[in-house]
Amino acid sequence: MVNDKHKYNIISIFSGAMGLDLGLEKAGLNVAVCVEMDKLACQTIRTNSQIPVIEGDINNVTKKQILNSAKLTSEDIFAIVGGPPCQAFSTAGKRLSLQDFRGNAIIRYLQIIEEISPEYFILENVRGILSTPLNIVPFEYEKEYSHIVDMQGSMIYFLWNEFNKLGYSLSFTLFNSANYGVPQARERVIIFGSKRGRIPLPSPTHSQTGKETGSKWTPLKNAIQDIKNIEHNYLEIPQRIKKYLMYLKEGENWRDLPLDIQKEAMGNSFELVGGKTGFFRRLSFSEPAPTLLTSPIMNATLLAHPTEMRALSVQEYARIQQFPDEWKFEGKLTDIYKQIGNAVPIGLGYVAGKTLIDFHEGNYDLKQEKTNQIHYSRYLGCSDFEFIPSFKNKIIQKQQAKISLF
């Protein structure tokens, strides 16, 4: 890949195995440099591409290092993209907490965007970012944010406010990747930042029945049924699980066992509340896969093949996440599952990239969000136009409750 100053050059941070990046490239963006601290993920990037890789902790990577590796100037950068881990801040002592704040990956992501100042950015994250609290803030932020410390969702509000100060308009929601043709019902938050005004969110193109969108969700069989004449590599399902899995058919789980066997199989978990649909679960060929995790053989989130007595293989994992068949992952079997399981589905990355380019080129509909036939995900109130006003209202309620105490 050769950098072209006339292309949409992007800087990828927290690149992982490049799931998001491959989708963005498919949409027409050009990855100029990757920043990643996981050694094996870096090896995966180098094995499959010629993209420069900065291997190391983002807190120790400078603007100059990033631009020099990309062989570009700040003016050549169209966007910065990435999924910084959103760990909660420590509350174990003020000094350590402040160190934790300044060393937090998501704060460093904010700083890099401030330093390079691209026209756009994409911040991808897990659903939990919508409820992550801002537990501690340094002195310079106390006046502005001390009143929202420990409030659920205050991290997003903090980012919203701080990016606004840098001149960015934000739009975000929790996307279900199945609503965009991915053969997996995986939910991820994508935040779009723009210096040209708010970017309208992309409308779903698929739905469970297909009635609302014209296209049904893509089933698992479409992703893996044609993988033939290869040796699958997979982790062995523990014998204690196989003992009961052998009685289950495609699409079934522990609830489809006879009641007395259910109690025997589930043990103490039988009395737990909740759906527990991941126990002794065989996937269904006719539905999208559930979220692929970093291991397919965990008790409560088993990802067993619909008809064979085994877990999904890494080859099937890669297909479901939409990696090219020729993409080679470095490391042991457990490392490969982790790299694939942590990735953003390439189809969702494509949607994000196309949304960015369409907006930049003026090819979008301002009313599209209001005419959606289905929600972006099963959870309501997760879009910026719902979330931010709701959070501001909670701040007002908190302040009023505090006043009423006096």
Protein backbone atom coordinates (compact mmCIF):
# COMPACT_ATOMS: atom_id res chain seq x y z
CA MET A 1 0.00 0.00 0.00
CA VAL A 2 1.44 3.33 -1.06
CA ASN A 3 0.42 6.49 0.75
CA ASP A 4 -1.22 9.01 -1.56
CA LYS A 5 -1.75 12.54 -0.29
CA HIS A 6 -4.90 12.70 -2.42
CA LYS A 7 -6.39 9.67 -0.72
CA TYR A 8 -8.34 9.58 2.52
CA ASN A 9 -5.36 8.79 4.75
CA ILE A 10 -6.14 7.57 8.23
CA ILE A 11 -4.15 6.77 11.36
CA SER A 12 -5.21 3.54 13.06
CA ILE A 13 -4.69 3.35 16.82
CA PHE A 14 -5.40 0.21 18.89
CA SER A 15 -5.42 -1.62 15.55
CA GLY A 16 -5.55 -5.20 16.83
CA ALA A 17 -5.84 -7.68 13.95
CA MET A 18 -7.22 -4.86 11.73
CA GLY A 19 -10.92 -5.84 11.57
CA LEU A 20 -12.06 -2.22 11.71
CA ASP A 21 -9.25 -1.11 9.39
CA LEU A 22 -10.02 -3.67 6.70
CA GLY A 23 -13.61 -2.48 6.64
CA LEU A 24 -12.51 1.14 6.40
CA GLU A 25 -10.15 0.28 3.54
CA LYS A 26 -12.96 -1.53 1.75
CA ALA A 27 -14.96 1.70 1.97
CA GLY A 28 -12.13 3.67 0.36
CA LEU A 29 -9.94 4.89 3.22
CA ASN A 30 -6.17 4.40 3.28
CA VAL A 31 -4.50 3.15 6.47
CA ALA A 32 -1.19 5.06 6.62
CA VAL A 33 0.10 3.68 9.94
CA CYS A 34 -1.02 1.33 12.73
CA VAL A 35 -0.32 1.78 16.44
CA GLU A 36 -0.71 -1.36 18.55
CA MET A 37 0.94 -2.68 21.71
CA ASP A 38 0.04 -6.38 21.42
CA LYS A 39 3.08 -8.13 19.98
CA LEU A 40 1.18 -10.89 18.18
CA ALA A 41 -1.36 -8.49 16.69
CA CYS A 42 1.58 -6.45 15.35
CA GLN A 43 3.02 -9.61 13.80
CA THR A 44 -0.37 -10.30 12.20
CA ILE A 45 -0.43 -6.82 10.64
CA ARG A 46 3.12 -7.17 9.31
CA THR A 47 2.44 -10.65 7.93
CA ASN A 48 -0.55 -9.47 5.92
CA SER A 49 0.33 -5.93 4.86
CA GLN A 50 3.07 -3.40 4.19
CA ILE A 51 1.51 -0.85 6.54
CA PRO A 52 4.04 0.69 8.99
CA VAL A 53 3.43 -0.52 12.54
CA ILE A 54 4.37 1.31 15.73
CA GLU A 55 4.56 -1.39 18.39
CA GLY A 56 4.19 0.01 21.89
CA ASP A 57 2.07 1.62 24.57
CA ILE A 58 0.11 4.53 23.11
CA ASN A 59 1.02 6.61 26.17
CA ASN A 60 4.64 6.50 25.03
CA VAL A 61 3.95 7.21 21.34
CA THR A 62 4.33 10.80 20.13
CA LYS A 63 2.66 12.78 17.38
CA LYS A 64 6.01 13.10 15.61
CA GLN A 65 6.57 9.35 15.70
CA ILE A 66 3.13 8.67 14.24
CA LEU A 67 3.45 11.18 11.40
CA ASN A 68 7.03 10.18 10.57
CA SER A 69 6.02 6.51 10.35
CA ALA A 70 3.12 7.44 8.08
CA LYS A 71 5.38 9.75 6.03
CA LEU A 72 2.65 12.38 6.19
CA THR A 73 1.98 15.76 7.81
CA SER A 74 -0.97 16.58 10.02
CA GLU A 75 -2.64 18.28 7.03
CA ASP A 76 -2.55 14.99 5.09
CA ILE A 77 -4.55 13.10 7.72
CA PHE A 78 -8.23 12.65 6.92
CA ALA A 79 -9.17 10.81 10.12
CA ILE A 80 -7.92 9.04 13.21
CA VAL A 81 -9.65 5.77 13.99
CA GLY A 82 -9.50 3.19 16.74
CA GLY A 83 -11.07 1.40 19.66
CA PRO A 84 -9.29 2.41 22.88
CA PRO A 85 -10.06 0.15 25.85
CA CYS A 86 -12.44 1.99 28.15
CA GLN A 87 -11.40 0.79 31.59
CA ALA A 88 -12.99 2.48 34.57
CA PHE A 89 -10.72 4.81 36.50
CA SER A 90 -9.24 3.65 39.78
CA THR A 91 -10.48 5.08 43.06
CA ALA A 92 -7.70 3.58 45.17
CA GLY A 93 -6.04 6.71 46.48
CA LYS A 94 -6.02 10.15 44.90
CA ARG A 95 -2.42 10.09 43.63
CA LEU A 96 -2.80 6.70 41.96
CA SER A 97 -6.21 7.67 40.62
CA LEU A 98 -4.87 10.74 38.88
CA GLN A 99 -2.08 8.69 37.36
CA ASP A 100 -4.71 6.25 36.17
CA PHE A 101 -6.71 9.08 34.59
CA ARG A 102 -3.78 10.57 32.69
CA GLY A 103 -2.53 7.14 31.64
CA ASN A 104 -5.95 5.90 30.54
CA ALA A 105 -5.98 4.80 26.90
CA ILE A 106 -9.17 6.65 26.03
CA ILE A 107 -7.77 9.91 27.43
CA ARG A 108 -4.61 9.45 25.36
CA TYR A 109 -6.79 8.89 22.30
CA LEU A 110 -8.44 12.26 22.98
CA GLN A 111 -5.02 13.90 23.34
CA ILE A 112 -3.70 12.49 20.04
CA ILE A 113 -6.74 13.81 18.20
CA GLU A 114 -6.11 17.20 19.80
CA GLU A 115 -2.43 17.12 18.77
CA ILE A 116 -2.96 16.05 15.13
CA SER A 117 -6.38 17.69 14.67
CA PRO A 118 -7.76 15.65 11.75
CA GLU A 119 -11.01 16.62 10.09
CA TYR A 120 -12.70 13.47 11.34
CA PHE A 121 -12.29 10.63 13.83
CA ILE A 122 -13.98 7.34 14.63
CA LEU A 123 -13.95 5.94 18.15
CA GLU A 124 -15.21 2.37 18.46
CA ASN A 125 -15.97 0.66 21.76
CA VAL A 126 -17.97 -1.93 23.66
CA ARG A 127 -21.49 -1.27 24.92
CA GLY A 128 -20.15 -0.71 28.44
CA ILE A 129 -18.76 2.69 27.51
CA LEU A 130 -22.32 4.01 27.62
CA SER A 131 -22.51 3.29 31.35
CA THR A 132 -18.88 3.79 32.36
CA PRO A 133 -18.59 6.38 35.14
CA LEU A 134 -15.99 9.08 35.41
CA ASN A 135 -14.73 8.05 38.86
CA ILE A 136 -12.00 10.61 39.32
CA VAL A 137 -10.81 13.78 37.59
CA PRO A 138 -7.55 15.75 37.97
CA PHE A 139 -7.55 19.22 39.50
CA GLU A 140 -7.79 20.98 36.15
CA TYR A 141 -11.09 19.21 35.44
CA GLU A 142 -12.63 19.36 38.92
CA LYS A 143 -14.59 22.59 38.47
CA GLU A 144 -16.27 21.34 35.32
CA TYR A 145 -16.84 17.67 36.09
CA SER A 146 -16.83 17.11 39.86
CA HIS A 147 -20.65 17.19 39.89
CA ILE A 148 -20.92 14.15 37.58
CA VAL A 149 -18.25 11.94 39.14
CA ASP A 150 -19.56 8.38 39.65
CA MET A 151 -22.65 8.97 37.50
CA GLN A 152 -23.29 6.16 35.02
CA GLY A 153 -22.56 7.44 31.53
CA SER A 154 -20.39 10.33 32.68
CA MET A 155 -17.43 9.06 30.61
CA ILE A 156 -19.37 9.57 27.37
CA TYR A 157 -20.53 12.99 28.54
CA PHE A 158 -16.94 13.94 29.38
CA LEU A 159 -15.75 12.87 25.92
CA TRP A 160 -18.69 14.64 24.28
CA ASN A 161 -17.80 17.89 26.04
CA GLU A 162 -14.04 17.66 25.55
CA PHE A 163 -14.31 16.84 21.83
CA ASN A 164 -16.76 19.73 21.43
CA LYS A 165 -14.10 22.05 22.83
CA LEU A 166 -11.74 20.86 20.08
CA GLY A 167 -14.30 21.78 17.44
CA TYR A 168 -15.80 18.35 16.81
CA SER A 169 -19.49 17.56 16.48
CA LEU A 170 -20.25 14.05 17.67
CA SER A 171 -22.80 11.44 16.68
CA PHE A 172 -22.94 7.93 18.10
CA THR A 173 -25.09 4.94 18.78
CA LEU A 174 -24.93 1.27 19.71
CA PHE A 175 -24.94 -0.67 16.43
CA ASN A 176 -26.05 -4.26 16.02
CA SER A 177 -23.78 -5.52 13.23
CA ALA A 178 -26.48 -7.97 12.07
CA ASN A 179 -28.49 -4.92 10.97
CA TYR A 180 -25.79 -4.25 8.38
CA GLY A 181 -25.45 -7.69 6.82
CA VAL A 182 -22.82 -9.14 9.17
CA PRO A 183 -23.50 -12.83 9.98
CA GLN A 184 -23.17 -12.03 13.69
CA ALA A 185 -25.38 -10.20 16.19
CA ARG A 186 -22.55 -8.17 17.70
CA GLU A 187 -23.18 -4.81 19.36
CA ARG A 188 -20.56 -2.06 19.30
CA VAL A 189 -20.63 1.66 20.00
CA ILE A 190 -19.28 3.81 17.18
CA ILE A 191 -18.65 7.50 17.76
CA PHE A 192 -18.19 9.75 14.72
CA GLY A 193 -16.38 13.06 15.21
CA SER A 194 -16.46 15.79 12.58
CA LYS A 195 -15.26 19.37 12.23
CA ARG A 196 -17.82 19.89 9.46
CA GLY A 197 -20.91 19.36 11.58
CA ARG A 198 -22.73 16.36 12.93
CA ILE A 199 -22.58 13.18 10.80
CA PRO A 200 -26.00 11.48 10.42
CA LEU A 201 -25.92 7.86 11.56
CA PRO A 202 -26.24 5.17 8.87
CA SER A 203 -29.66 3.54 8.67
CA PRO A 204 -29.88 -0.24 9.10
CA THR A 205 -29.91 -2.19 5.83
CA HIS A 206 -31.02 -5.56 7.26
CA SER A 207 -33.56 -6.70 9.84
CA GLN A 208 -34.58 -9.96 11.45
CA THR A 209 -37.61 -10.49 9.21
CA GLY A 210 -36.48 -8.35 6.29
CA LYS A 211 -39.92 -6.72 6.22
CA GLU A 212 -38.71 -3.30 7.31
CA THR A 213 -35.50 -3.11 5.26
CA GLY A 214 -35.98 -5.48 2.36
CA SER A 215 -33.11 -7.72 3.49
CA LYS A 216 -33.09 -10.31 6.27
CA TRP A 217 -30.23 -10.83 8.68
CA THR A 218 -27.40 -12.87 7.16
CA PRO A 219 -27.46 -16.39 8.66
CA LEU A 220 -24.44 -18.29 9.95
CA LYS A 221 -24.66 -20.81 7.12
CA ASN A 222 -23.86 -18.10 4.57
CA ALA A 223 -20.54 -17.50 6.30
CA ILE A 224 -19.27 -21.00 7.00
CA GLN A 225 -21.14 -23.64 4.99
CA ASP A 226 -18.71 -23.54 2.07
CA ILE A 227 -15.55 -24.04 4.17
CA LYS A 228 -14.62 -27.47 2.89
CA ASN A 229 -11.59 -29.69 2.45
CA ILE A 230 -9.58 -28.02 5.19
CA GLU A 231 -8.37 -29.07 8.60
CA HIS A 232 -10.25 -27.01 11.17
CA ASN A 233 -8.31 -25.75 14.18
CA TYR A 234 -10.33 -25.42 17.36
CA LEU A 235 -10.22 -25.71 21.14
CA GLU A 236 -11.63 -28.91 22.56
CA ILE A 237 -14.93 -28.62 24.39
CA PRO A 238 -14.53 -30.01 27.94
CA GLN A 239 -15.89 -33.55 28.35
CA ARG A 240 -18.31 -32.44 31.10
CA ILE A 241 -20.01 -30.21 28.49
CA LYS A 242 -19.85 -32.76 25.68
CA LYS A 243 -21.69 -35.20 27.93
CA TYR A 244 -24.86 -33.13 27.56
CA LEU A 245 -24.18 -31.41 24.25
CA MET A 246 -24.47 -34.73 22.46
CA TYR A 247 -28.23 -34.74 23.18
CA LEU A 248 -28.82 -31.32 21.65
CA LYS A 249 -29.64 -30.41 18.08
CA GLU A 250 -28.88 -27.32 16.00
CA GLY A 251 -30.08 -24.13 17.69
CA GLU A 252 -30.77 -25.81 21.05
CA ASN A 253 -29.31 -25.16 24.51
CA TRP A 254 -29.66 -26.44 28.06
CA ARG A 255 -33.37 -25.58 28.18
CA ASP A 256 -34.01 -28.25 25.54
CA LEU A 257 -32.72 -31.01 27.82
CA PRO A 258 -35.20 -33.00 29.99
CA LEU A 259 -35.85 -31.17 33.27
CA ASP A 260 -33.97 -33.64 35.46
CA ILE A 261 -30.97 -33.49 33.09
CA GLN A 262 -31.16 -29.69 33.07
CA LYS A 263 -30.63 -29.61 36.83
CA GLU A 264 -27.81 -32.11 36.63
CA ALA A 265 -26.07 -30.26 33.79
CA MET A 266 -26.47 -26.75 35.18
CA GLY A 267 -25.70 -27.52 38.82
CA ASN A 268 -25.78 -24.35 40.95
CA SER A 269 -26.33 -22.23 37.84
CA PHE A 270 -29.79 -23.74 37.42
CA GLU A 271 -31.23 -21.42 40.08
CA LEU A 272 -29.62 -18.28 38.68
CA VAL A 273 -31.89 -15.69 37.12
CA GLY A 274 -31.44 -14.49 33.55
CA GLY A 275 -31.66 -16.07 30.13
CA LYS A 276 -28.55 -18.25 30.43
CA THR A 277 -28.95 -19.08 26.74
CA GLY A 278 -25.19 -19.58 26.31
CA PHE A 279 -25.01 -22.75 28.42
CA PHE A 280 -24.69 -25.96 26.38
CA ARG A 281 -25.46 -23.95 23.26
CA ARG A 282 -25.39 -25.22 19.71
CA LEU A 283 -25.53 -22.41 17.18
CA SER A 284 -28.16 -22.26 14.46
CA PHE A 285 -27.27 -22.25 10.77
CA SER A 286 -30.40 -20.18 10.04
CA GLU A 287 -29.55 -17.24 12.36
CA PRO A 288 -26.57 -14.90 12.73
CA ALA A 289 -23.94 -16.09 15.18
CA PRO A 290 -24.01 -14.48 18.63
CA THR A 291 -21.07 -12.27 19.61
CA LEU A 292 -17.78 -14.09 19.11
CA LEU A 293 -15.78 -13.92 22.32
CA THR A 294 -12.07 -14.52 22.87
CA SER A 295 -12.76 -18.20 23.60
CA PRO A 296 -15.56 -20.38 22.19
CA ILE A 297 -15.61 -22.89 25.06
CA MET A 298 -16.56 -20.85 28.11
CA ASN A 299 -19.40 -22.36 30.16
CA ALA A 300 -21.95 -19.56 29.91
CA THR A 301 -21.12 -18.48 26.36
CA LEU A 302 -20.47 -21.73 24.53
CA LEU A 303 -20.08 -21.40 20.77
CA ALA A 304 -20.57 -24.98 19.62
CA HIS A 305 -20.91 -25.93 15.96
CA PRO A 306 -24.56 -26.47 14.95
CA THR A 307 -24.12 -30.14 14.06
CA GLU A 308 -20.60 -31.27 14.88
CA MET A 309 -19.27 -32.15 18.33
CA ARG A 310 -16.81 -29.27 18.51
CA ALA A 311 -16.46 -25.54 19.04
CA LEU A 312 -16.36 -23.11 16.16
CA SER A 313 -12.93 -23.26 14.59
CA VAL A 314 -10.66 -20.25 14.11
CA GLN A 315 -11.34 -20.56 10.38
CA GLU A 316 -15.07 -20.21 11.08
CA TYR A 317 -14.40 -17.38 13.54
CA ALA A 318 -12.52 -15.49 10.82
CA ARG A 319 -15.32 -16.02 8.29
CA ILE A 320 -17.96 -14.77 10.73
CA GLN A 321 -15.87 -11.67 11.42
CA GLN A 322 -15.50 -11.40 7.62
CA PHE A 323 -11.70 -11.59 7.41
CA PRO A 324 -10.36 -12.68 4.01
CA ASP A 325 -9.55 -16.40 3.84
CA GLU A 326 -5.91 -15.56 3.09
CA TRP A 327 -5.55 -13.41 6.24
CA LYS A 328 -3.02 -15.14 8.50
CA PHE A 329 -3.14 -14.72 12.27
CA GLU A 330 0.05 -15.10 14.27
CA GLY A 331 0.36 -16.92 17.60
CA LYS A 332 -1.01 -19.99 19.31
CA LEU A 333 -4.59 -21.15 18.89
CA THR A 334 -5.74 -19.24 21.98
CA ASP A 335 -3.99 -16.10 20.70
CA ILE A 336 -5.75 -16.38 17.36
CA TYR A 337 -9.18 -16.76 18.95
CA LYS A 338 -8.40 -13.66 21.02
CA GLN A 339 -7.34 -11.56 18.02
CA ILE A 340 -10.40 -12.51 16.00
CA GLY A 341 -12.80 -12.27 18.94
CA ASN A 342 -11.60 -8.77 19.83
CA ALA A 343 -11.94 -7.48 16.28
CA VAL A 344 -14.68 -5.30 14.83
CA PRO A 345 -16.59 -7.13 12.08
CA ILE A 346 -15.23 -5.94 8.76
CA GLY A 347 -18.75 -5.25 7.50
CA LEU A 348 -19.36 -2.83 10.36
CA GLY A 349 -16.02 -1.14 9.66
CA TYR A 350 -17.12 -0.74 6.05
CA VAL A 351 -20.36 0.94 7.13
CA ALA A 352 -18.40 3.34 9.36
CA GLY A 353 -15.97 4.20 6.57
CA LYS A 354 -18.69 4.68 3.97
CA THR A 355 -20.60 6.92 6.38
CA LEU A 356 -17.52 9.11 6.78
CA ILE A 357 -16.81 9.37 3.05
CA ASP A 358 -20.46 9.93 2.11
CA PHE A 359 -20.69 12.77 4.60
CA HIS A 360 -17.44 14.33 3.42
CA GLU A 361 -18.59 14.17 -0.21
CA GLY A 362 -22.08 15.47 0.59
CA ASN A 363 -23.79 12.19 -0.23
CA TYR A 364 -26.14 11.79 2.73
CA ASP A 365 -29.68 12.40 3.91
CA LEU A 366 -30.17 14.56 6.99
CA LYS A 367 -33.54 12.92 7.64
CA GLN A 368 -32.34 9.32 7.47
CA GLU A 369 -32.24 8.84 11.25
CA LYS A 370 -35.87 9.93 11.60
CA THR A 371 -37.09 7.54 8.92
CA ASN A 372 -35.44 4.36 10.26
CA GLN A 373 -37.81 1.41 10.19
CA ILE A 374 -35.94 -0.35 13.01
CA HIS A 375 -33.71 0.72 15.89
CA TYR A 376 -29.93 0.52 15.64
CA SER A 377 -29.86 -2.16 18.33
CA ARG A 378 -32.12 -3.87 20.86
CA TYR A 379 -31.26 -1.19 23.45
CA LEU A 380 -33.06 2.15 23.35
CA GLY A 381 -31.70 5.57 24.29
CA CYS A 382 -28.16 4.80 23.09
CA SER A 383 -27.93 7.38 20.29
CA ASP A 384 -26.39 10.79 20.92
CA PHE A 385 -29.65 12.64 20.24
CA GLU A 386 -31.28 10.57 23.00
CA PHE A 387 -28.38 9.88 25.36
CA ILE A 388 -26.97 13.40 25.82
CA PRO A 389 -30.29 15.17 26.60
CA SER A 390 -31.20 12.34 28.96
CA PHE A 391 -27.85 12.60 30.77
CA LYS A 392 -28.16 16.38 31.07
CA ASN A 393 -31.59 15.88 32.61
CA LYS A 394 -30.09 13.47 35.15
CA ILE A 395 -27.54 16.14 36.09
CA ILE A 396 -30.35 18.62 36.71
CA GLN A 397 -32.26 16.09 38.80
CA LYS A 398 -29.14 15.33 40.84
CA GLN A 399 -28.53 19.04 41.48
CA GLN A 400 -32.17 19.60 42.46
CA ALA A 401 -32.08 16.64 44.84
CA LYS A 402 -28.93 18.07 46.44
CA ILE A 403 -30.56 21.49 46.89
CA SER A 404 -33.66 19.93 48.47
CA LEU A 405 -31.47 18.44 51.21
CA PHE A 406 -30.65 21.92 52.54
